[in-house]
Amino acid sequence: MAAKIFDQLKLFLSLRSLKVRLFVIILIVGIVPGILMRYSIVSNYEERAVQQRISTVQNQLLVVGNHLLNNQYLTNYKSNDLAYANSRAVIDAELEMIANLYEGRVMIIDSSLKIVRDTYRLSEGKTIISEEVIQCLGGQDTYHYDKEHGYIEMTTPIVDPAAENPDGKGSGKVVGVLLTSFSSDSIVETMEILNRNSMVWEQLTMVVIFGVAIVLSIVLTKPFSRVTDAINEVQAGYSDEPISVPDYTETIHIVDAFNQLLERMKALDDSRQDFVANVSHELKTPMTSIKVLADSLLAQEDASAELYREFMEDIVSEIDRENRIITDLLALVKMDKKAQELNIASVDINALTELILKRLRPIARRKDVELVFESMRPVTAEVDEVKMTLVMTNLVENAIKYNKEHGWVKVELDADHQYFTFKVSDSGLGIPEESLAYIYERFYRVDKSHSREIGGTGLGLAITKSAVLMHRGSITVTSTEGEGSCFTVKIPLIYIAQGKE
């Protein structure tokens, strides 16, 4: 039990497991967007908070700038006049209020870069040389956010609309600059609070997503487990019925493929059983005939020499029939061996065909069948000469044997740039349409009585097809019952061994 749990855990932790892959994908898809969203929210808040703080301070400084112009602060900041002193006090109070409100520092700089007012009272009367201040005197306000040190620095131009711009561009003249720096600690604190809250929700979400990922990975892969269990039941022999797991399109395809394989295995098993039964029957029949003939002969004590000779001829005929069956069976078994190799050589197919027809013409003459050979062109191909002889001989001999008296057999040879075609047509008995699908099966006979009469074993076409397939070729047949048949064999001119295409 412990070993089984360990194996399941090892399988679960393996990246080859679909369950683990689904779990990881769901976990990543659920968590990564949350992390990215948290960083996006915090970053967007920071940017918007800084911009809003700058805009707020800028508006207040513009108001102060107007007050500076209205009270001629920049030109009368040293005047002892009571009215100017009171107005300066009011403006100074406004500057102090802004500096305290935003925990910062405000400096007023005139057009000569002299610091007129400093809320820190450290740099008043000094000259400041700063790129930002010079740019601001040119009419361009600037700001800088120093995240590392936690402050924002900005410049605000003091524009006198009544004065003429020396550049002649726009209205008004920049007569001074408000240089302000203020703390961003409140923004940072808010960001930290927002980040902490987001992390809490993120962790809760991660726990939920973790659980959902586990459940979904188990639920989504459960149909595949059912497929495995069903296949294991078939393998163990508890069932031989087709399995069905219609949960997903993928499981349907897998199950369909397995069911097709199962049907083919059943067909092969049935074929094997039929083959054994047919072999037993075909081998037993001649033996039974021999025994009957021998017993009959032994039962007649005063049998004549002529009767002995007649019985012995029948016994020899049955022995020859048994021998043909065994010979064809051995040839078929050799064809079925996957490891068997062909003895490929370049063969003159025209000469081979003529030689085979020369051997078969005596049989054709005995049945008064006209044998015609028509060659369209010279053909040379890479084939196993012995097996190709077997193919041609079987087809032509069948066409002669299963023909009518005064009939004909026509053999045609042609080729293109890839294949050569060997076609055998006849005026024979023909094959019923319902039998065409079975003629290549072992021991199958269309007309059993006629086949036994001419000595057929029912293995010739099975051997022929096996030899053709070994050459990576094809064999087809068309036939009309009572009119004749036409077998067409196509074989590659150049033999290509399996796995070398």
Protein backbone atom coordinates (compact mmCIF):
# COMPACT_ATOMS: atom_id res chain seq x y z
CA MET A 1 0.00 0.00 0.00
CA ALA A 2 2.79 2.41 0.96
CA ALA A 3 4.68 1.58 -2.24
CA LYS A 4 1.54 2.29 -4.30
CA ILE A 5 1.05 5.67 -2.60
CA PHE A 6 4.72 6.49 -3.17
CA ASP A 7 4.40 5.59 -6.86
CA GLN A 8 1.29 7.76 -7.21
CA LEU A 9 3.07 10.66 -5.49
CA LYS A 10 6.10 10.20 -7.73
CA LEU A 11 3.84 10.17 -10.79
CA PHE A 12 2.03 13.29 -9.56
CA LEU A 13 5.29 15.15 -9.04
CA SER A 14 6.57 14.16 -12.47
CA LEU A 15 6.24 16.84 -15.15
CA ARG A 16 5.26 14.08 -17.57
CA SER A 17 1.98 13.77 -15.68
CA LEU A 18 -0.91 15.58 -17.37
CA LYS A 19 -2.43 16.13 -13.93
CA VAL A 20 0.67 17.99 -12.72
CA ARG A 21 0.90 20.02 -15.90
CA LEU A 22 -2.74 21.09 -15.62
CA PHE A 23 -2.19 21.94 -11.94
CA VAL A 24 0.87 24.07 -12.75
CA ILE A 25 -0.87 25.82 -15.68
CA ILE A 26 -3.98 26.65 -13.64
CA LEU A 27 -1.81 27.83 -10.74
CA ILE A 28 0.28 30.08 -12.98
CA VAL A 29 -2.76 31.42 -14.86
CA GLY A 30 -4.48 32.20 -11.57
CA ILE A 31 -1.55 33.65 -9.59
CA VAL A 32 0.55 35.54 -12.13
CA PRO A 33 -2.25 37.94 -13.20
CA GLY A 34 -2.91 38.70 -9.50
CA ILE A 35 0.75 39.55 -8.88
CA LEU A 36 0.92 41.68 -12.02
CA MET A 37 -2.33 43.40 -11.05
CA ARG A 38 -0.99 44.22 -7.58
CA TYR A 39 2.17 45.76 -8.97
CA SER A 40 0.14 47.61 -11.60
CA ILE A 41 -2.29 49.02 -9.03
CA VAL A 42 0.50 50.16 -6.69
CA SER A 43 2.51 51.64 -9.55
CA ASN A 44 -0.49 53.44 -11.04
CA TYR A 45 -1.45 54.78 -7.62
CA GLU A 46 2.07 56.12 -7.09
CA GLU A 47 2.12 57.85 -10.46
CA ARG A 48 -1.33 59.35 -10.06
CA ALA A 49 -0.69 60.40 -6.45
CA VAL A 50 2.54 62.20 -7.44
CA GLN A 51 0.81 63.95 -10.34
CA GLN A 52 -2.12 64.94 -8.16
CA ARG A 53 0.19 66.25 -5.41
CA ILE A 54 2.18 68.27 -7.96
CA SER A 55 -1.01 69.65 -9.51
CA THR A 56 -2.41 70.64 -6.10
CA VAL A 57 0.80 72.34 -4.98
CA GLN A 58 1.18 73.99 -8.40
CA ASN A 59 -2.28 75.56 -8.15
CA GLN A 60 -1.57 76.93 -4.69
CA LEU A 61 1.80 78.31 -5.82
CA LEU A 62 0.16 80.04 -8.77
CA VAL A 63 -2.14 81.80 -6.33
CA VAL A 64 0.86 82.79 -4.23
CA GLY A 65 2.63 83.98 -7.38
CA ASN A 66 -0.27 86.27 -8.22
CA HIS A 67 -0.15 87.65 -4.71
CA LEU A 68 3.58 88.27 -5.13
CA LEU A 69 2.98 90.26 -8.30
CA ASN A 70 0.02 92.20 -6.90
CA ASN A 71 1.99 93.24 -3.82
CA GLN A 72 5.25 93.84 -5.79
CA TYR A 73 6.98 91.40 -3.47
CA LEU A 74 10.05 90.91 -5.66
CA THR A 75 10.81 94.64 -5.95
CA ASN A 76 9.87 95.77 -2.43
CA TYR A 77 10.87 92.84 -0.28
CA LYS A 78 13.37 95.14 1.60
CA SER A 79 11.06 98.12 1.88
CA ASN A 80 10.18 99.36 5.40
CA ASP A 81 6.88 100.77 4.27
CA LEU A 82 4.16 99.52 6.60
CA ALA A 83 1.81 98.51 3.74
CA TYR A 84 4.52 96.46 1.97
CA ALA A 85 5.58 94.96 5.32
CA ASN A 86 2.04 93.81 6.03
CA SER A 87 1.61 92.30 2.57
CA ARG A 88 4.97 90.53 2.86
CA ALA A 89 3.88 89.10 6.20
CA VAL A 90 0.70 87.74 4.64
CA ILE A 91 2.61 86.18 1.73
CA ASP A 92 5.24 84.77 4.08
CA ALA A 93 2.46 83.21 6.13
CA GLU A 94 1.03 81.61 2.98
CA LEU A 95 4.45 80.23 2.08
CA GLU A 96 4.92 78.89 5.60
CA MET A 97 1.49 77.31 5.50
CA ILE A 98 2.25 75.54 2.19
CA ALA A 99 5.66 74.41 3.47
CA ASN A 100 4.19 73.04 6.69
CA LEU A 101 1.20 71.49 4.97
CA TYR A 102 3.36 69.45 2.57
CA GLU A 103 6.37 69.08 4.89
CA GLY A 104 8.56 70.90 2.45
CA ARG A 105 10.49 74.02 1.57
CA VAL A 106 9.60 76.97 -0.65
CA MET A 107 12.07 79.47 -2.11
CA ILE A 108 11.34 82.64 -4.08
CA ILE A 109 14.00 83.41 -6.71
CA ASP A 110 14.07 86.61 -8.74
CA SER A 111 15.17 86.97 -12.36
CA SER A 112 18.80 87.50 -11.33
CA LEU A 113 18.86 84.03 -9.68
CA LYS A 114 18.93 85.56 -6.23
CA ILE A 115 17.01 83.80 -3.46
CA VAL A 116 14.57 86.40 -2.11
CA ARG A 117 12.72 84.19 0.37
CA ASP A 118 13.44 80.77 1.89
CA THR A 119 11.00 79.14 4.30
CA TYR A 120 13.99 77.43 5.92
CA ARG A 121 15.74 80.87 6.16
CA LEU A 122 19.04 79.27 5.24
CA SER A 123 19.74 80.58 1.73
CA GLU A 124 18.14 84.03 1.61
CA GLY A 125 20.30 86.54 -0.26
CA LYS A 126 22.32 83.78 -1.96
CA THR A 127 22.52 83.12 -5.66
CA ILE A 128 21.36 79.77 -6.99
CA ILE A 129 22.69 78.24 -10.16
CA SER A 130 20.29 75.48 -11.19
CA GLU A 131 19.32 74.08 -14.57
CA GLU A 132 15.70 73.73 -13.50
CA VAL A 133 15.54 77.36 -12.31
CA ILE A 134 17.12 78.64 -15.52
CA GLN A 135 14.64 76.59 -17.59
CA CYS A 136 11.79 77.95 -15.49
CA LEU A 137 12.95 81.54 -16.08
CA GLY A 138 12.70 80.64 -19.75
CA GLY A 139 9.03 79.83 -19.20
CA GLN A 140 9.26 76.06 -18.70
CA ASP A 141 8.08 74.67 -15.38
CA THR A 142 9.74 71.42 -14.25
CA TYR A 143 9.40 68.77 -11.59
CA HIS A 144 11.50 65.86 -10.32
CA TYR A 145 10.36 62.93 -8.18
CA ASP A 146 13.15 61.37 -6.16
CA LYS A 147 11.67 58.07 -5.05
CA GLU A 148 14.83 56.93 -3.30
CA HIS A 149 15.06 59.95 -0.95
CA GLY A 150 11.31 60.52 -0.75
CA TYR A 151 10.76 64.06 -2.02
CA ILE A 152 9.36 65.98 -4.98
CA GLU A 153 11.03 69.08 -6.34
CA MET A 154 9.26 71.46 -8.72
CA THR A 155 9.62 74.94 -10.21
CA THR A 156 6.77 77.36 -10.87
CA PRO A 157 7.31 80.48 -12.97
CA ILE A 158 6.09 83.85 -11.66
CA VAL A 159 4.69 85.49 -14.77
CA ASP A 160 3.93 89.23 -14.93
CA PRO A 161 1.22 89.56 -17.61
CA ALA A 162 1.71 93.31 -17.78
CA ALA A 163 5.41 93.07 -18.64
CA GLU A 164 6.56 92.50 -22.22
CA ASN A 165 8.21 89.19 -23.09
CA PRO A 166 11.70 89.93 -24.49
CA ASP A 167 11.41 86.94 -26.89
CA GLY A 168 8.16 88.31 -28.27
CA LYS A 169 6.54 84.91 -27.74
CA GLY A 170 3.33 84.72 -25.76
CA SER A 171 2.13 87.32 -23.27
CA GLY A 172 3.81 88.25 -20.06
CA LYS A 173 7.32 87.98 -18.71
CA VAL A 174 8.78 85.53 -16.19
CA VAL A 175 10.04 87.72 -13.36
CA GLY A 176 10.81 85.04 -10.83
CA VAL A 177 10.62 81.39 -9.83
CA LEU A 178 9.02 79.51 -6.98
CA LEU A 179 11.33 76.55 -6.20
CA THR A 180 9.47 74.05 -4.05
CA SER A 181 10.50 70.71 -2.58
CA PHE A 182 8.16 68.69 -0.42
CA SER A 183 8.03 65.25 1.13
CA SER A 184 6.41 62.23 -0.54
CA ASP A 185 6.30 60.22 2.72
CA SER A 186 2.52 60.27 2.86
CA ILE A 187 2.37 58.80 -0.67
CA VAL A 188 4.89 56.12 0.30
CA GLU A 189 2.95 55.28 3.46
CA THR A 190 -0.29 54.98 1.52
CA MET A 191 1.50 52.77 -1.03
CA GLU A 192 2.77 50.51 1.75
CA ILE A 193 -0.71 50.16 3.22
CA LEU A 194 -2.15 49.46 -0.23
CA ASN A 195 0.62 46.95 -0.93
CA ARG A 196 0.07 45.16 2.39
CA ASN A 197 -3.68 44.90 1.83
CA SER A 198 -3.11 43.70 -1.73
CA MET A 199 -0.66 41.06 -0.52
CA VAL A 200 -3.17 39.80 2.04
CA TRP A 201 -5.82 39.44 -0.65
CA GLU A 202 -3.24 37.97 -2.99
CA GLN A 203 -2.26 35.31 -0.47
CA LEU A 204 -5.91 34.44 0.17
CA THR A 205 -6.46 34.24 -3.59
CA MET A 206 -3.39 32.02 -3.96
CA VAL A 207 -4.77 29.60 -1.38
CA VAL A 208 -8.13 29.49 -3.18
CA ILE A 209 -6.46 29.09 -6.60
CA PHE A 210 -4.20 26.36 -5.21
CA GLY A 211 -7.24 24.41 -4.06
CA VAL A 212 -9.10 25.07 -7.33
CA ALA A 213 -6.02 23.95 -9.32
CA ILE A 214 -5.86 20.66 -7.40
CA VAL A 215 -9.59 20.00 -7.85
CA LEU A 216 -9.63 20.94 -11.55
CA SER A 217 -6.49 18.93 -12.35
CA ILE A 218 -8.10 15.86 -10.78
CA VAL A 219 -11.53 16.43 -12.35
CA LEU A 220 -10.17 17.25 -15.83
CA THR A 221 -7.93 14.15 -15.95
CA LYS A 222 -10.51 11.78 -14.47
CA PRO A 223 -11.87 10.73 -17.92
CA PHE A 224 -8.36 9.65 -18.93
CA SER A 225 -8.16 7.53 -15.77
CA ARG A 226 -11.46 5.92 -16.77
CA VAL A 227 -10.01 5.19 -20.22
CA THR A 228 -6.98 3.56 -18.57
CA ASP A 229 -9.17 1.50 -16.22
CA ALA A 230 -11.36 0.33 -19.09
CA ILE A 231 -8.32 -0.68 -21.17
CA ASN A 232 -6.84 -2.51 -18.16
CA GLU A 233 -10.11 -4.45 -17.75
CA VAL A 234 -9.96 -5.49 -21.39
CA GLN A 235 -6.29 -6.41 -21.03
CA ALA A 236 -6.98 -8.45 -17.89
CA GLY A 237 -9.73 -10.33 -19.72
CA TYR A 238 -12.63 -9.15 -17.58
CA SER A 239 -14.33 -7.65 -20.62
CA ASP A 240 -14.04 -7.67 -24.39
CA GLU A 241 -16.80 -5.15 -25.07
CA PRO A 242 -16.03 -1.79 -26.78
CA ILE A 243 -15.31 0.93 -24.22
CA SER A 244 -16.97 4.36 -24.16
CA VAL A 245 -15.73 7.53 -22.40
CA PRO A 246 -17.55 10.42 -24.17
CA ASP A 247 -16.38 13.19 -21.81
CA TYR A 248 -13.96 14.95 -24.20
CA THR A 249 -13.31 14.91 -27.92
CA GLU A 250 -9.81 13.64 -27.14
CA THR A 251 -11.09 10.70 -25.08
CA ILE A 252 -13.59 9.89 -27.83
CA HIS A 253 -10.73 9.75 -30.37
CA ILE A 254 -8.57 7.61 -28.06
CA VAL A 255 -11.45 5.24 -27.30
CA ASP A 256 -12.42 4.99 -30.99
CA ALA A 257 -8.83 4.13 -31.91
CA PHE A 258 -8.68 1.51 -29.14
CA ASN A 259 -12.04 0.02 -30.13
CA GLN A 260 -10.86 -0.24 -33.74
CA LEU A 261 -7.71 -1.97 -32.50
CA LEU A 262 -9.84 -4.27 -30.33
CA GLU A 263 -12.04 -5.14 -33.32
CA ARG A 264 -8.97 -5.86 -35.41
CA MET A 265 -7.53 -8.07 -32.65
CA LYS A 266 -10.85 -9.94 -32.45
CA ALA A 267 -10.87 -10.32 -36.23
CA LEU A 268 -7.29 -11.61 -36.16
CA ASP A 269 -8.16 -14.03 -33.39
CA ASP A 270 -11.25 -15.22 -35.26
CA SER A 271 -9.16 -15.48 -38.44
CA ARG A 272 -6.54 -17.53 -36.58
CA GLN A 273 -9.20 -19.87 -35.23
CA ASP A 274 -10.79 -20.18 -38.67
CA PHE A 275 -7.37 -20.81 -40.17
CA VAL A 276 -6.66 -23.64 -37.71
CA ALA A 277 -10.10 -25.11 -38.35
CA ASN A 278 -9.66 -24.85 -42.13
CA VAL A 279 -6.17 -26.34 -42.03
CA SER A 280 -7.45 -29.22 -39.90
CA HIS A 281 -10.34 -29.79 -42.27
CA GLU A 282 -8.26 -29.50 -45.45
CA LEU A 283 -5.58 -31.86 -44.16
CA LYS A 284 -8.07 -34.29 -42.69
CA THR A 285 -10.13 -34.64 -45.87
CA PRO A 286 -7.39 -36.29 -48.01
CA MET A 287 -6.36 -38.48 -45.06
CA THR A 288 -9.98 -39.61 -44.62
CA SER A 289 -10.22 -40.41 -48.32
CA ILE A 290 -6.97 -42.40 -48.19
CA LYS A 291 -8.19 -44.37 -45.16
CA VAL A 292 -11.56 -45.12 -46.80
CA LEU A 293 -9.83 -46.28 -49.98
CA ALA A 294 -7.34 -48.43 -48.04
CA ASP A 295 -10.06 -49.94 -45.84
CA SER A 296 -12.17 -50.74 -48.90
CA LEU A 297 -9.22 -52.39 -50.59
CA LEU A 298 -8.37 -54.45 -47.51
CA ALA A 299 -11.96 -55.58 -47.17
CA GLN A 300 -11.84 -57.22 -50.60
CA GLU A 301 -9.68 -60.35 -50.16
CA ASP A 302 -9.91 -61.46 -53.79
CA ALA A 303 -9.59 -58.01 -55.43
CA SER A 304 -8.14 -58.00 -58.94
CA ALA A 305 -4.94 -56.27 -59.98
CA GLU A 306 -6.95 -53.71 -61.99
CA LEU A 307 -8.98 -52.80 -58.87
CA TYR A 308 -5.78 -52.50 -56.82
CA ARG A 309 -4.32 -50.22 -59.48
CA GLU A 310 -7.48 -48.07 -59.56
CA PHE A 311 -7.51 -47.70 -55.77
CA MET A 312 -3.79 -46.94 -55.65
CA GLU A 313 -4.18 -44.19 -58.28
CA ASP A 314 -6.89 -42.58 -56.14
CA ILE A 315 -4.65 -42.85 -53.07
CA VAL A 316 -1.74 -41.25 -54.94
CA SER A 317 -4.08 -38.43 -56.09
CA GLU A 318 -5.13 -37.74 -52.49
CA ILE A 319 -1.49 -37.80 -51.37
CA ASP A 320 -0.60 -35.27 -54.11
CA ARG A 321 -3.46 -33.08 -52.94
CA GLU A 322 -2.22 -33.29 -49.34
CA ASN A 323 1.27 -32.40 -50.52
CA ARG A 324 0.02 -29.33 -52.44
CA ILE A 325 -1.82 -28.07 -49.36
CA ILE A 326 1.26 -28.52 -47.14
CA THR A 327 3.51 -26.85 -49.75
CA ASP A 328 1.19 -23.84 -50.06
CA LEU A 329 0.90 -23.59 -46.26
CA LEU A 330 4.68 -23.55 -45.89
CA ALA A 331 4.94 -20.86 -48.59
CA LEU A 332 2.28 -18.76 -46.84
CA VAL A 333 3.97 -19.12 -43.45
CA LYS A 334 7.24 -17.94 -44.95
CA MET A 335 5.45 -14.96 -46.49
CA ASP A 336 3.99 -14.03 -43.09
CA LYS A 337 7.35 -13.81 -41.38
CA LYS A 338 8.10 -10.13 -40.89
CA ALA A 339 11.82 -10.73 -40.68
CA GLN A 340 11.98 -12.41 -44.08
CA GLU A 341 13.94 -10.39 -46.58
CA LEU A 342 13.43 -10.24 -50.32
CA ASN A 343 16.23 -11.17 -52.67
CA ILE A 344 15.96 -7.99 -54.70
CA ALA A 345 17.60 -7.88 -58.11
CA SER A 346 17.09 -6.06 -61.40
CA VAL A 347 14.83 -8.34 -63.46
CA ASP A 348 13.65 -8.17 -67.08
CA ILE A 349 9.90 -8.45 -66.47
CA ASN A 350 9.12 -9.03 -70.18
CA ALA A 351 11.44 -12.06 -70.33
CA LEU A 352 10.11 -13.39 -67.01
CA THR A 353 6.50 -13.12 -68.22
CA GLU A 354 7.26 -14.90 -71.47
CA LEU A 355 9.01 -17.72 -69.57
CA ILE A 356 6.01 -18.20 -67.24
CA LEU A 357 3.55 -18.20 -70.15
CA LYS A 358 5.72 -20.77 -71.96
CA ARG A 359 5.41 -23.09 -68.94
CA LEU A 360 1.63 -22.61 -68.72
CA ARG A 361 0.75 -22.94 -72.42
CA PRO A 362 0.44 -26.78 -72.22
CA ILE A 363 -2.23 -26.38 -69.51
CA ALA A 364 -4.02 -23.78 -71.65
CA ARG A 365 -3.93 -26.07 -74.72
CA ARG A 366 -5.40 -28.98 -72.73
CA LYS A 367 -8.36 -26.72 -71.76
CA ASP A 368 -8.49 -25.19 -75.25
CA VAL A 369 -7.88 -21.70 -73.80
CA GLU A 370 -6.18 -19.07 -75.94
CA LEU A 371 -3.27 -17.42 -74.05
CA VAL A 372 -2.30 -13.95 -75.33
CA PHE A 373 0.57 -11.73 -74.15
CA GLU A 374 0.64 -7.99 -74.95
CA SER A 375 3.63 -5.87 -73.86
CA MET A 376 3.42 -2.09 -74.21
CA ARG A 377 7.13 -1.44 -73.61
CA PRO A 378 10.29 -3.09 -72.20
CA VAL A 379 10.12 -3.22 -68.39
CA THR A 380 12.99 -3.72 -65.95
CA ALA A 381 12.27 -3.60 -62.19
CA GLU A 382 13.88 -4.34 -58.85
CA VAL A 383 11.98 -7.41 -57.56
CA ASP A 384 12.43 -10.81 -55.95
CA GLU A 385 12.32 -13.03 -59.04
CA VAL A 386 11.09 -16.14 -57.19
CA LYS A 387 8.17 -14.40 -55.50
CA MET A 388 7.27 -12.39 -58.59
CA THR A 389 7.20 -15.67 -60.54
CA LEU A 390 4.82 -17.02 -57.90
CA VAL A 391 2.51 -13.98 -58.30
CA MET A 392 2.37 -14.19 -62.10
CA THR A 393 2.04 -17.98 -62.18
CA ASN A 394 -0.84 -18.06 -59.67
CA LEU A 395 -2.83 -15.36 -61.50
CA VAL A 396 -2.36 -16.80 -64.99
CA GLU A 397 -2.88 -20.42 -63.85
CA ASN A 398 -6.11 -19.47 -62.04
CA ALA A 399 -7.32 -17.62 -65.14
CA ILE A 400 -6.72 -20.80 -67.19
CA LYS A 401 -8.15 -23.30 -64.71
CA TYR A 402 -11.30 -21.32 -63.89
CA ASN A 403 -12.05 -20.55 -67.55
CA LYS A 404 -14.61 -21.85 -70.02
CA GLU A 405 -13.81 -24.18 -72.88
CA HIS A 406 -12.66 -22.28 -75.98
CA GLY A 407 -12.07 -19.25 -73.73
CA TRP A 408 -9.17 -16.80 -73.63
CA VAL A 409 -6.67 -15.31 -71.17
CA LYS A 410 -4.98 -12.00 -71.91
CA VAL A 411 -1.80 -10.89 -70.10
CA GLU A 412 -0.82 -7.21 -70.40
CA LEU A 413 2.44 -5.59 -69.25
CA ASP A 414 2.92 -1.82 -69.04
CA ALA A 415 4.88 0.72 -67.00
CA ASP A 416 5.10 4.40 -66.14
CA HIS A 417 7.89 6.32 -64.42
CA GLN A 418 7.12 4.75 -60.99
CA TYR A 419 5.31 1.42 -61.35
CA PHE A 420 4.93 -1.48 -63.73
CA THR A 421 1.49 -3.01 -64.22
CA PHE A 422 0.81 -6.73 -64.72
CA LYS A 423 -2.79 -7.32 -65.77
CA VAL A 424 -4.48 -10.72 -66.26
CA SER A 425 -7.99 -10.78 -67.74
CA ASP A 426 -10.03 -13.81 -68.78
CA SER A 427 -13.36 -14.99 -70.16
CA GLY A 428 -13.90 -17.37 -67.26
CA LEU A 429 -16.53 -18.07 -64.64
CA GLY A 430 -16.22 -14.71 -62.90
CA ILE A 431 -16.56 -13.96 -59.20
CA PRO A 432 -19.84 -13.02 -57.48
CA GLU A 433 -19.84 -9.47 -56.13
CA GLU A 434 -20.44 -10.66 -52.55
CA SER A 435 -17.31 -12.84 -52.72
CA LEU A 436 -14.86 -10.19 -53.98
CA ALA A 437 -14.01 -9.03 -50.44
CA TYR A 438 -13.02 -12.56 -49.32
CA ILE A 439 -11.06 -14.03 -52.22
CA TYR A 440 -7.69 -13.26 -50.57
CA GLU A 441 -8.61 -15.09 -47.37
CA ARG A 442 -6.93 -18.42 -46.73
CA PHE A 443 -8.88 -21.48 -47.88
CA TYR A 444 -11.71 -19.33 -49.24
CA ARG A 445 -13.27 -20.78 -52.38
CA VAL A 446 -15.97 -19.17 -54.50
CA ASP A 447 -17.10 -22.53 -55.88
CA LYS A 448 -15.91 -25.27 -53.54
CA SER A 449 -16.98 -28.18 -55.72
CA HIS A 450 -15.29 -26.79 -58.84
CA SER A 451 -12.14 -25.89 -56.85
CA ARG A 452 -11.78 -29.41 -55.50
CA GLU A 453 -12.41 -30.80 -58.98
CA ILE A 454 -9.45 -28.87 -60.44
CA GLY A 455 -7.26 -29.37 -57.36
CA GLY A 456 -7.30 -25.89 -55.84
CA THR A 457 -6.21 -25.43 -52.20
CA GLY A 458 -7.74 -21.98 -51.59
CA LEU A 459 -4.31 -20.52 -50.73
CA GLY A 460 -3.12 -19.25 -54.11
CA LEU A 461 -4.54 -15.71 -53.93
CA ALA A 462 -3.54 -15.34 -50.25
CA ILE A 463 0.06 -16.19 -51.24
CA THR A 464 -0.15 -13.84 -54.24
CA LYS A 465 -1.35 -10.89 -52.17
CA SER A 466 1.33 -11.45 -49.51
CA ALA A 467 4.07 -11.45 -52.16
CA VAL A 468 2.68 -8.27 -53.76
CA LEU A 469 2.54 -6.45 -50.41
CA MET A 470 6.11 -7.52 -49.63
CA HIS A 471 7.13 -5.61 -52.78
CA ARG A 472 5.16 -2.53 -51.50
CA GLY A 473 2.73 -2.99 -54.38
CA SER A 474 -1.04 -3.41 -54.77
CA ILE A 475 -3.47 -5.89 -56.30
CA THR A 476 -7.03 -5.12 -57.42
CA VAL A 477 -9.76 -7.14 -59.10
CA THR A 478 -12.85 -6.44 -61.18
CA SER A 479 -15.18 -9.26 -62.10
CA THR A 480 -18.59 -10.02 -63.54
CA GLU A 481 -20.11 -13.39 -62.74
CA GLY A 482 -20.33 -15.54 -65.87
CA GLU A 483 -18.27 -13.12 -67.98
CA GLY A 484 -14.77 -13.16 -66.52
CA SER A 485 -12.35 -11.40 -64.19
CA CYS A 486 -9.44 -8.96 -64.40
CA PHE A 487 -6.62 -8.88 -61.83
CA THR A 488 -4.28 -5.85 -61.87
CA VAL A 489 -0.96 -5.85 -60.00
CA LYS A 490 1.09 -2.64 -59.57
CA ILE A 491 4.69 -2.99 -58.38
CA PRO A 492 7.26 -0.16 -57.88
CA LEU A 493 10.05 -0.19 -60.45
CA ILE A 494 12.54 0.67 -57.70
CA TYR A 495 12.22 -1.28 -54.45
CA ILE A 496 12.40 0.85 -51.29
CA ALA A 497 12.85 -1.07 -48.06
CA GLN A 498 10.50 -0.23 -45.18
CA GLY A 499 11.81 2.62 -43.01
CA LYS A 500 13.95 4.08 -45.82
CA GLU A 501 11.31 6.19 -47.59
